[in-house]
Amino acid sequence: MSEQITLELPTALVEQARAEAARTGLTIEDVLLTWLTTHVSRVYETRFLTEIFEPGVVYTVDTPYGNEAAADILLAFLEDSRNDQERK
């Protein structure tokens, strides 16, 4: 089920969406829908991660297959998420 709504968007954002639509062959509506759903997904992922990990606790990341780079990315993401939450 879907619902039609009207939004007033900044000109710069509309221009970016039009450019993306032209580049990808999608409609501007599909581009904006993709951007919105991607953002919402990231917000919920961030909330989930910040809710399951306690602030101030240092967690070690086990990398049994030697993927320290992935562990570093995860730790940086968690730190950024905590910083974002503290700013709000």
PDB file of N, CA and C in Angstrom:
ATOM      1  N   MET A   1       0.844  -1.167   0.000  1.00  0.00           N
ATOM      2  CA  MET A   1       0.000   0.000   0.000  1.00  0.00           C
ATOM      3  C   MET A   1       0.889   1.230   0.000  1.00  0.00           C
ATOM      4  N   SER A   2       0.504   2.215  -0.761  1.00  0.00           N
ATOM      5  CA  SER A   2       1.267   3.451  -0.780  1.00  0.00           C
ATOM      6  C   SER A   2       0.322   4.630  -0.657  1.00  0.00           C
ATOM      7  N   GLU A   3       0.922   5.767  -0.384  1.00  0.00           N
ATOM      8  CA  GLU A   3       0.140   6.981  -0.200  1.00  0.00           C
ATOM      9  C   GLU A   3       0.871   8.113  -0.892  1.00  0.00           C
ATOM     10  N   GLN A   4       0.139   8.967  -1.554  1.00  0.00           N
ATOM     11  CA  GLN A   4       0.762  10.090  -2.246  1.00  0.00           C
ATOM     12  C   GLN A   4       0.799  11.291  -1.309  1.00  0.00           C
ATOM     13  N   ILE A   5       1.980  11.924  -1.229  1.00  0.00           N
ATOM     14  CA  ILE A   5       2.136  13.133  -0.427  1.00  0.00           C
ATOM     15  C   ILE A   5       2.859  14.182  -1.267  1.00  0.00           C
ATOM     16  N   THR A   6       2.771  15.411  -0.850  1.00  0.00           N
ATOM     17  CA  THR A   6       3.456  16.506  -1.527  1.00  0.00           C
ATOM     18  C   THR A   6       4.510  17.058  -0.579  1.00  0.00           C
ATOM     19  N   LEU A   7       5.729  17.212  -1.091  1.00  0.00           N
ATOM     20  CA  LEU A   7       6.824  17.743  -0.298  1.00  0.00           C
ATOM     21  C   LEU A   7       7.378  18.997  -0.955  1.00  0.00           C
ATOM     22  N   GLU A   8       7.815  19.926  -0.139  1.00  0.00           N
ATOM     23  CA  GLU A   8       8.553  21.071  -0.654  1.00  0.00           C
ATOM     24  C   GLU A   8      10.013  20.836  -0.276  1.00  0.00           C
ATOM     25  N   LEU A   9      10.848  20.694  -1.294  1.00  0.00           N
ATOM     26  CA  LEU A   9      12.257  20.347  -1.078  1.00  0.00           C
ATOM     27  C   LEU A   9      13.155  21.494  -1.530  1.00  0.00           C
ATOM     28  N   PRO A  10      14.324  21.601  -0.918  1.00  0.00           N
ATOM     29  CA  PRO A  10      15.280  22.618  -1.363  1.00  0.00           C
ATOM     30  C   PRO A  10      15.692  22.371  -2.817  1.00  0.00           C
ATOM     31  N   THR A  11      15.888  23.453  -3.541  1.00  0.00           N
ATOM     32  CA  THR A  11      16.241  23.363  -4.958  1.00  0.00           C
ATOM     33  C   THR A  11      17.474  22.502  -5.183  1.00  0.00           C
ATOM     34  N   ALA A  12      18.481  22.649  -4.342  1.00  0.00           N
ATOM     35  CA  ALA A  12      19.721  21.878  -4.504  1.00  0.00           C
ATOM     36  C   ALA A  12      19.451  20.381  -4.408  1.00  0.00           C
ATOM     37  N   LEU A  13      18.586  19.988  -3.491  1.00  0.00           N
ATOM     38  CA  LEU A  13      18.258  18.571  -3.344  1.00  0.00           C
ATOM     39  C   LEU A  13      17.509  18.048  -4.570  1.00  0.00           C
ATOM     40  N   VAL A  14      16.592  18.834  -5.071  1.00  0.00           N
ATOM     41  CA  VAL A  14      15.844  18.433  -6.265  1.00  0.00           C
ATOM     42  C   VAL A  14      16.793  18.294  -7.455  1.00  0.00           C
ATOM     43  N   GLU A  15      17.729  19.227  -7.587  1.00  0.00           N
ATOM     44  CA  GLU A  15      18.696  19.151  -8.685  1.00  0.00           C
ATOM     45  C   GLU A  15      19.552  17.888  -8.571  1.00  0.00           C
ATOM     46  N   GLN A  16      19.972  17.551  -7.359  1.00  0.00           N
ATOM     47  CA  GLN A  16      20.750  16.322  -7.148  1.00  0.00           C
ATOM     48  C   GLN A  16      19.918  15.095  -7.505  1.00  0.00           C
ATOM     49  N   ALA A  17      18.654  15.106  -7.108  1.00  0.00           N
ATOM     50  CA  ALA A  17      17.774  13.970  -7.405  1.00  0.00           C
ATOM     51  C   ALA A  17      17.546  13.849  -8.912  1.00  0.00           C
ATOM     52  N   ARG A  18      17.360  14.977  -9.586  1.00  0.00           N
ATOM     53  CA  ARG A  18      17.184  14.944 -11.048  1.00  0.00           C
ATOM     54  C   ARG A  18      18.431  14.396 -11.731  1.00  0.00           C
ATOM     55  N   ALA A  19      19.596  14.831 -11.275  1.00  0.00           N
ATOM     56  CA  ALA A  19      20.850  14.357 -11.860  1.00  0.00           C
ATOM     57  C   ALA A  19      21.004  12.856 -11.645  1.00  0.00           C
ATOM     58  N   GLU A  20      20.672  12.388 -10.458  1.00  0.00           N
ATOM     59  CA  GLU A  20      20.746  10.949 -10.161  1.00  0.00           C
ATOM     60  C   GLU A  20      19.752  10.171 -11.015  1.00  0.00           C
ATOM     61  N   ALA A  21      18.569  10.728 -11.189  1.00  0.00           N
ATOM     62  CA  ALA A  21      17.558  10.076 -12.021  1.00  0.00           C
ATOM     63  C   ALA A  21      18.044   9.971 -13.468  1.00  0.00           C
ATOM     64  N   ALA A  22      18.637  11.040 -13.973  1.00  0.00           N
ATOM     65  CA  ALA A  22      19.150  11.014 -15.349  1.00  0.00           C
ATOM     66  C   ALA A  22      20.295  10.016 -15.481  1.00  0.00           C
ATOM     67  N   ARG A  23      21.142   9.963 -14.466  1.00  0.00           N
ATOM     68  CA  ARG A  23      22.292   9.067 -14.494  1.00  0.00           C
ATOM     69  C   ARG A  23      21.873   7.603 -14.450  1.00  0.00           C
ATOM     70  N   THR A  24      20.858   7.298 -13.654  1.00  0.00           N
ATOM     71  CA  THR A  24      20.465   5.907 -13.417  1.00  0.00           C
ATOM     72  C   THR A  24      19.308   5.438 -14.281  1.00  0.00           C
ATOM     73  N   GLY A  25      18.588   6.378 -14.887  1.00  0.00           N
ATOM     74  CA  GLY A  25      17.412   5.997 -15.665  1.00  0.00           C
ATOM     75  C   GLY A  25      16.170   5.778 -14.814  1.00  0.00           C
ATOM     76  N   LEU A  26      16.259   6.078 -13.529  1.00  0.00           N
ATOM     77  CA  LEU A  26      15.101   5.960 -12.642  1.00  0.00           C
ATOM     78  C   LEU A  26      14.264   7.234 -12.708  1.00  0.00           C
ATOM     79  N   THR A  27      13.063   7.153 -12.202  1.00  0.00           N
ATOM     80  CA  THR A  27      12.267   8.373 -12.071  1.00  0.00           C
ATOM     81  C   THR A  27      12.768   9.141 -10.845  1.00  0.00           C
ATOM     82  N   ILE A  28      12.467  10.434 -10.814  1.00  0.00           N
ATOM     83  CA  ILE A  28      12.878  11.223  -9.647  1.00  0.00           C
ATOM     84  C   ILE A  28      12.189  10.700  -8.386  1.00  0.00           C
ATOM     85  N   GLU A  29      10.963  10.210  -8.535  1.00  0.00           N
ATOM     86  CA  GLU A  29      10.247   9.644  -7.387  1.00  0.00           C
ATOM     87  C   GLU A  29      10.975   8.417  -6.838  1.00  0.00           C
ATOM     88  N   ASP A  30      11.457   7.561  -7.740  1.00  0.00           N
ATOM     89  CA  ASP A  30      12.181   6.367  -7.294  1.00  0.00           C
ATOM     90  C   ASP A  30      13.507   6.725  -6.634  1.00  0.00           C
ATOM     91  N   VAL A  31      14.171   7.742  -7.159  1.00  0.00           N
ATOM     92  CA  VAL A  31      15.423   8.187  -6.552  1.00  0.00           C
ATOM     93  C   VAL A  31      15.169   8.682  -5.133  1.00  0.00           C
ATOM     94  N   LEU A  32      14.170   9.546  -4.975  1.00  0.00           N
ATOM     95  CA  LEU A  32      13.864  10.084  -3.647  1.00  0.00           C
ATOM     96  C   LEU A  32      13.407   8.984  -2.694  1.00  0.00           C
ATOM     97  N   LEU A  33      12.617   8.042  -3.185  1.00  0.00           N
ATOM     98  CA  LEU A  33      12.173   6.925  -2.350  1.00  0.00           C
ATOM     99  C   LEU A  33      13.359   6.079  -1.892  1.00  0.00           C
ATOM    100  N   THR A  34      14.290   5.829  -2.798  1.00  0.00           N
ATOM    101  CA  THR A  34      15.497   5.071  -2.442  1.00  0.00           C
ATOM    102  C   THR A  34      16.297   5.809  -1.376  1.00  0.00           C
ATOM    103  N   TRP A  35      16.486   7.100  -1.565  1.00  0.00           N
ATOM    104  CA  TRP A  35      17.231   7.886  -0.582  1.00  0.00           C
ATOM    105  C   TRP A  35      16.552   7.843   0.790  1.00  0.00           C
ATOM    106  N   LEU A  36      15.241   8.008   0.806  1.00  0.00           N
ATOM    107  CA  LEU A  36      14.517   7.992   2.082  1.00  0.00           C
ATOM    108  C   LEU A  36      14.598   6.638   2.771  1.00  0.00           C
ATOM    109  N   THR A  37      14.347   5.578   2.027  1.00  0.00           N
ATOM    110  CA  THR A  37      14.364   4.253   2.655  1.00  0.00           C
ATOM    111  C   THR A  37      15.773   3.875   3.113  1.00  0.00           C
ATOM    112  N   THR A  38      16.783   4.281   2.356  1.00  0.00           N
ATOM    113  CA  THR A  38      18.162   4.010   2.774  1.00  0.00           C
ATOM    114  C   THR A  38      18.481   4.746   4.065  1.00  0.00           C
ATOM    115  N   HIS A  39      18.085   6.003   4.142  1.00  0.00           N
ATOM    116  CA  HIS A  39      18.346   6.787   5.352  1.00  0.00           C
ATOM    117  C   HIS A  39      17.623   6.205   6.561  1.00  0.00           C
ATOM    118  N   VAL A  40      16.360   5.854   6.374  1.00  0.00           N
ATOM    119  CA  VAL A  40      15.574   5.291   7.484  1.00  0.00           C
ATOM    120  C   VAL A  40      16.205   3.987   7.962  1.00  0.00           C
ATOM    121  N   SER A  41      16.637   3.148   7.028  1.00  0.00           N
ATOM    122  CA  SER A  41      17.291   1.890   7.408  1.00  0.00           C
ATOM    123  C   SER A  41      18.535   2.153   8.247  1.00  0.00           C
ATOM    124  N   ARG A  42      19.332   3.132   7.823  1.00  0.00           N
ATOM    125  CA  ARG A  42      20.559   3.454   8.576  1.00  0.00           C
ATOM    126  C   ARG A  42      20.247   3.982   9.966  1.00  0.00           C
ATOM    127  N   VAL A  43      19.203   4.794  10.079  1.00  0.00           N
ATOM    128  CA  VAL A  43      18.811   5.319  11.391  1.00  0.00           C
ATOM    129  C   VAL A  43      18.429   4.176  12.316  1.00  0.00           C
ATOM    130  N   TYR A  44      17.631   3.231  11.836  1.00  0.00           N
ATOM    131  CA  TYR A  44      17.228   2.104  12.671  1.00  0.00           C
ATOM    132  C   TYR A  44      18.407   1.200  13.008  1.00  0.00           C
ATOM    133  N   GLU A  45      19.328   0.989  12.068  1.00  0.00           N
ATOM    134  CA  GLU A  45      20.526   0.192  12.359  1.00  0.00           C
ATOM    135  C   GLU A  45      21.348   0.860  13.451  1.00  0.00           C
ATOM    136  N   THR A  46      21.514   2.166  13.353  1.00  0.00           N
ATOM    137  CA  THR A  46      22.285   2.910  14.344  1.00  0.00           C
ATOM    138  C   THR A  46      21.623   2.825  15.708  1.00  0.00           C
ATOM    139  N   ARG A  47      20.309   3.010  15.741  1.00  0.00           N
ATOM    140  CA  ARG A  47      19.592   2.902  17.021  1.00  0.00           C
ATOM    141  C   ARG A  47      19.767   1.516  17.625  1.00  0.00           C
ATOM    142  N   PHE A  48      19.662   0.482  16.795  1.00  0.00           N
ATOM    143  CA  PHE A  48      19.822  -0.887  17.277  1.00  0.00           C
ATOM    144  C   PHE A  48      21.203  -1.080  17.878  1.00  0.00           C
ATOM    145  N   LEU A  49      22.234  -0.661  17.155  1.00  0.00           N
ATOM    146  CA  LEU A  49      23.598  -0.851  17.654  1.00  0.00           C
ATOM    147  C   LEU A  49      23.863  -0.063  18.918  1.00  0.00           C
ATOM    148  N   THR A  50      23.359   1.162  18.991  1.00  0.00           N
ATOM    149  CA  THR A  50      23.613   1.968  20.185  1.00  0.00           C
ATOM    150  C   THR A  50      22.797   1.482  21.373  1.00  0.00           C
ATOM    151  N   GLU A  51      21.694   0.779  21.121  1.00  0.00           N
ATOM    152  CA  GLU A  51      20.897   0.248  22.226  1.00  0.00           C
ATOM    153  C   GLU A  51      21.493  -1.034  22.801  1.00  0.00           C
ATOM    154  N   ILE A  52      22.177  -1.837  21.986  1.00  0.00           N
ATOM    155  CA  ILE A  52      22.696  -3.093  22.509  1.00  0.00           C
ATOM    156  C   ILE A  52      24.086  -2.954  23.117  1.00  0.00           C
ATOM    157  N   PHE A  53      24.809  -1.880  22.769  1.00  0.00           N
ATOM    158  CA  PHE A  53      26.130  -1.659  23.339  1.00  0.00           C
ATOM    159  C   PHE A  53      26.059  -0.539  24.362  1.00  0.00           C
ATOM    160  N   GLU A  54      26.642  -0.771  25.528  1.00  0.00           N
ATOM    161  CA  GLU A  54      26.590   0.218  26.589  1.00  0.00           C
ATOM    162  C   GLU A  54      27.661   1.271  26.413  1.00  0.00           C
ATOM    163  N   PRO A  55      27.308   2.550  26.622  1.00  0.00           N
ATOM    164  CA  PRO A  55      28.297   3.621  26.515  1.00  0.00           C
ATOM    165  C   PRO A  55      29.400   3.456  27.564  1.00  0.00           C
ATOM    166  N   GLY A  56      30.600   3.802  27.207  1.00  0.00           N
ATOM    167  CA  GLY A  56      31.721   3.752  28.133  1.00  0.00           C
ATOM    168  C   GLY A  56      32.370   2.396  28.271  1.00  0.00           C
ATOM    169  N   VAL A  57      31.781   1.358  27.688  1.00  0.00           N
ATOM    170  CA  VAL A  57      32.333   0.012  27.767  1.00  0.00           C
ATOM    171  C   VAL A  57      33.195  -0.219  26.535  1.00  0.00           C
ATOM    172  N   VAL A  58      34.397  -0.731  26.754  1.00  0.00           N
ATOM    173  CA  VAL A  58      35.278  -1.041  25.635  1.00  0.00           C
ATOM    174  C   VAL A  58      35.050  -2.498  25.256  1.00  0.00           C
ATOM    175  N   TYR A  59      34.653  -2.716  24.023  1.00  0.00           N
ATOM    176  CA  TYR A  59      34.395  -4.059  23.530  1.00  0.00           C
ATOM    177  C   TYR A  59      35.553  -4.489  22.623  1.00  0.00           C
ATOM    178  N   THR A  60      35.971  -5.716  22.795  1.00  0.00           N
ATOM    179  CA  THR A  60      36.983  -6.249  21.898  1.00  0.00           C
ATOM    180  C   THR A  60      36.263  -6.942  20.740  1.00  0.00           C
ATOM    181  N   VAL A  61      36.887  -6.913  19.607  1.00  0.00           N
ATOM    182  CA  VAL A  61      36.304  -7.560  18.445  1.00  0.00           C
ATOM    183  C   VAL A  61      37.214  -8.713  18.052  1.00  0.00           C
ATOM    184  N   ASP A  62      36.665  -9.923  18.132  1.00  0.00           N
ATOM    185  CA  ASP A  62      37.423 -11.116  17.788  1.00  0.00           C
ATOM    186  C   ASP A  62      37.481 -11.245  16.274  1.00  0.00           C
ATOM    187  N   THR A  63      38.675 -11.350  15.746  1.00  0.00           N
ATOM    188  CA  THR A  63      38.838 -11.492  14.300  1.00  0.00           C
ATOM    189  C   THR A  63      39.574 -12.794  14.010  1.00  0.00           C
ATOM    190  N   PRO A  64      38.860 -13.918  14.122  1.00  0.00           N
ATOM    191  CA  PRO A  64      39.518 -15.207  13.959  1.00  0.00           C
ATOM    192  C   PRO A  64      40.066 -15.451  12.556  1.00  0.00           C
ATOM    193  N   TYR A  65      39.555 -14.706  11.586  1.00  0.00           N
ATOM    194  CA  TYR A  65      40.018 -14.905  10.216  1.00  0.00           C
ATOM    195  C   TYR A  65      40.968 -13.801   9.764  1.00  0.00           C
ATOM    196  N   GLY A  66      41.450 -13.014  10.710  1.00  0.00           N
ATOM    197  CA  GLY A  66      42.421 -11.986  10.390  1.00  0.00           C
ATOM    198  C   GLY A  66      41.846 -10.772   9.693  1.00  0.00           C
ATOM    199  N   ASN A  67      40.579 -10.479   9.916  1.00  0.00           N
ATOM    200  CA  ASN A  67      39.976  -9.336   9.246  1.00  0.00           C
ATOM    201  C   ASN A  67      39.939  -8.133  10.182  1.00  0.00           C
ATOM    202  N   GLU A  68      41.106  -7.667  10.571  1.00  0.00           N
ATOM    203  CA  GLU A  68      41.209  -6.535  11.476  1.00  0.00           C
ATOM    204  C   GLU A  68      40.647  -5.261  10.860  1.00  0.00           C
ATOM    205  N   ALA A  69      40.757  -5.122   9.552  1.00  0.00           N
ATOM    206  CA  ALA A  69      40.241  -3.923   8.886  1.00  0.00           C
ATOM    207  C   ALA A  69      38.726  -3.818   9.077  1.00  0.00           C
ATOM    208  N   ALA A  70      38.019  -4.937   8.945  1.00  0.00           N
ATOM    209  CA  ALA A  70      36.568  -4.931   9.151  1.00  0.00           C
ATOM    210  C   ALA A  70      36.235  -4.609  10.602  1.00  0.00           C
ATOM    211  N   ALA A  71      37.018  -5.131  11.522  1.00  0.00           N
ATOM    212  CA  ALA A  71      36.799  -4.845  12.939  1.00  0.00           C
ATOM    213  C   ALA A  71      37.008  -3.363  13.220  1.00  0.00           C
ATOM    214  N   ASP A  72      38.025  -2.774  12.622  1.00  0.00           N
ATOM    215  CA  ASP A  72      38.276  -1.345  12.805  1.00  0.00           C
ATOM    216  C   ASP A  72      37.125  -0.507  12.260  1.00  0.00           C
ATOM    217  N   ILE A  73      36.561  -0.925  11.127  1.00  0.00           N
ATOM    218  CA  ILE A  73      35.426  -0.200  10.547  1.00  0.00           C
ATOM    219  C   ILE A  73      34.227  -0.283  11.482  1.00  0.00           C
ATOM    220  N   LEU A  74      33.965  -1.465  12.023  1.00  0.00           N
ATOM    221  CA  LEU A  74      32.855  -1.634  12.949  1.00  0.00           C
ATOM    222  C   LEU A  74      33.041  -0.769  14.193  1.00  0.00           C
ATOM    223  N   LEU A  75      34.220  -0.768  14.747  1.00  0.00           N
ATOM    224  CA  LEU A  75      34.475   0.046  15.936  1.00  0.00           C
ATOM    225  C   LEU A  75      34.325   1.533  15.635  1.00  0.00           C
ATOM    226  N   ALA A  76      34.792   1.975  14.476  1.00  0.00           N
ATOM    227  CA  ALA A  76      34.649   3.384  14.088  1.00  0.00           C
ATOM    228  C   ALA A  76      33.165   3.741  13.916  1.00  0.00           C
ATOM    229  N   PHE A  77      32.392   2.830  13.329  1.00  0.00           N
ATOM    230  CA  PHE A  77      30.961   3.059  13.163  1.00  0.00           C
ATOM    231  C   PHE A  77      30.278   3.198  14.520  1.00  0.00           C
ATOM    232  N   LEU A  78      30.613   2.330  15.444  1.00  0.00           N
ATOM    233  CA  LEU A  78      30.011   2.398  16.772  1.00  0.00           C
ATOM    234  C   LEU A  78      30.368   3.697  17.469  1.00  0.00           C
ATOM    235  N   GLU A  79      31.614   4.115  17.350  1.00  0.00           N
ATOM    236  CA  GLU A  79      32.047   5.368  17.969  1.00  0.00           C
ATOM    237  C   GLU A  79      31.317   6.555  17.350  1.00  0.00           C
ATOM    238  N   ASP A  80      31.189   6.574  16.025  1.00  0.00           N
ATOM    239  CA  ASP A  80      30.459   7.647  15.348  1.00  0.00           C
ATOM    240  C   ASP A  80      28.998   7.667  15.787  1.00  0.00           C
ATOM    241  N   SER A  81      28.404   6.492  15.927  1.00  0.00           N
ATOM    242  CA  SER A  81      27.012   6.402  16.352  1.00  0.00           C
ATOM    243  C   SER A  81      26.845   6.964  17.753  1.00  0.00           C
ATOM    244  N   ARG A  82      27.754   6.637  18.627  1.00  0.00           N
ATOM    245  CA  ARG A  82      27.685   7.171  19.996  1.00  0.00           C
ATOM    246  C   ARG A  82      27.841   8.684  19.988  1.00  0.00           C
ATOM    247  N   ASN A  83      28.772   9.190  19.192  1.00  0.00           N
ATOM    248  CA  ASN A  83      28.971  10.632  19.120  1.00  0.00           C
ATOM    249  C   ASN A  83      27.735  11.334  18.582  1.00  0.00           C
ATOM    250  N   ASP A  84      27.088  10.734  17.579  1.00  0.00           N
ATOM    251  CA  ASP A  84      25.854  11.296  17.026  1.00  0.00           C
ATOM    252  C   ASP A  84      24.765  11.342  18.089  1.00  0.00           C
ATOM    253  N   GLN A  85      24.648  10.288  18.874  1.00  0.00           N
ATOM    254  CA  GLN A  85      23.622  10.235  19.916  1.00  0.00           C
ATOM    255  C   GLN A  85      23.881  11.284  20.995  1.00  0.00           C
ATOM    256  N   GLU A  86      25.149  11.514  21.330  1.00  0.00           N
ATOM    257  CA  GLU A  86      25.496  12.485  22.364  1.00  0.00           C
ATOM    258  C   GLU A  86      25.183  13.905  21.902  1.00  0.00           C
ATOM    259  N   ARG A  87      25.300  14.169  20.608  1.00  0.00           N
ATOM    260  CA  ARG A  87      25.017  15.502  20.073  1.00  0.00           C
ATOM    261  C   ARG A  87      23.537  15.813  20.079  1.00  0.00           C
ATOM    262  N   LYS A  88      22.685  14.791  20.107  1.00  0.00           N
ATOM    263  CA  LYS A  88      21.225  15.002  20.032  1.00  0.00           C
ATOM    264  C   LYS A  88      20.651  15.362  21.359  1.00  0.00           C
TER     265      LYS A  88
END
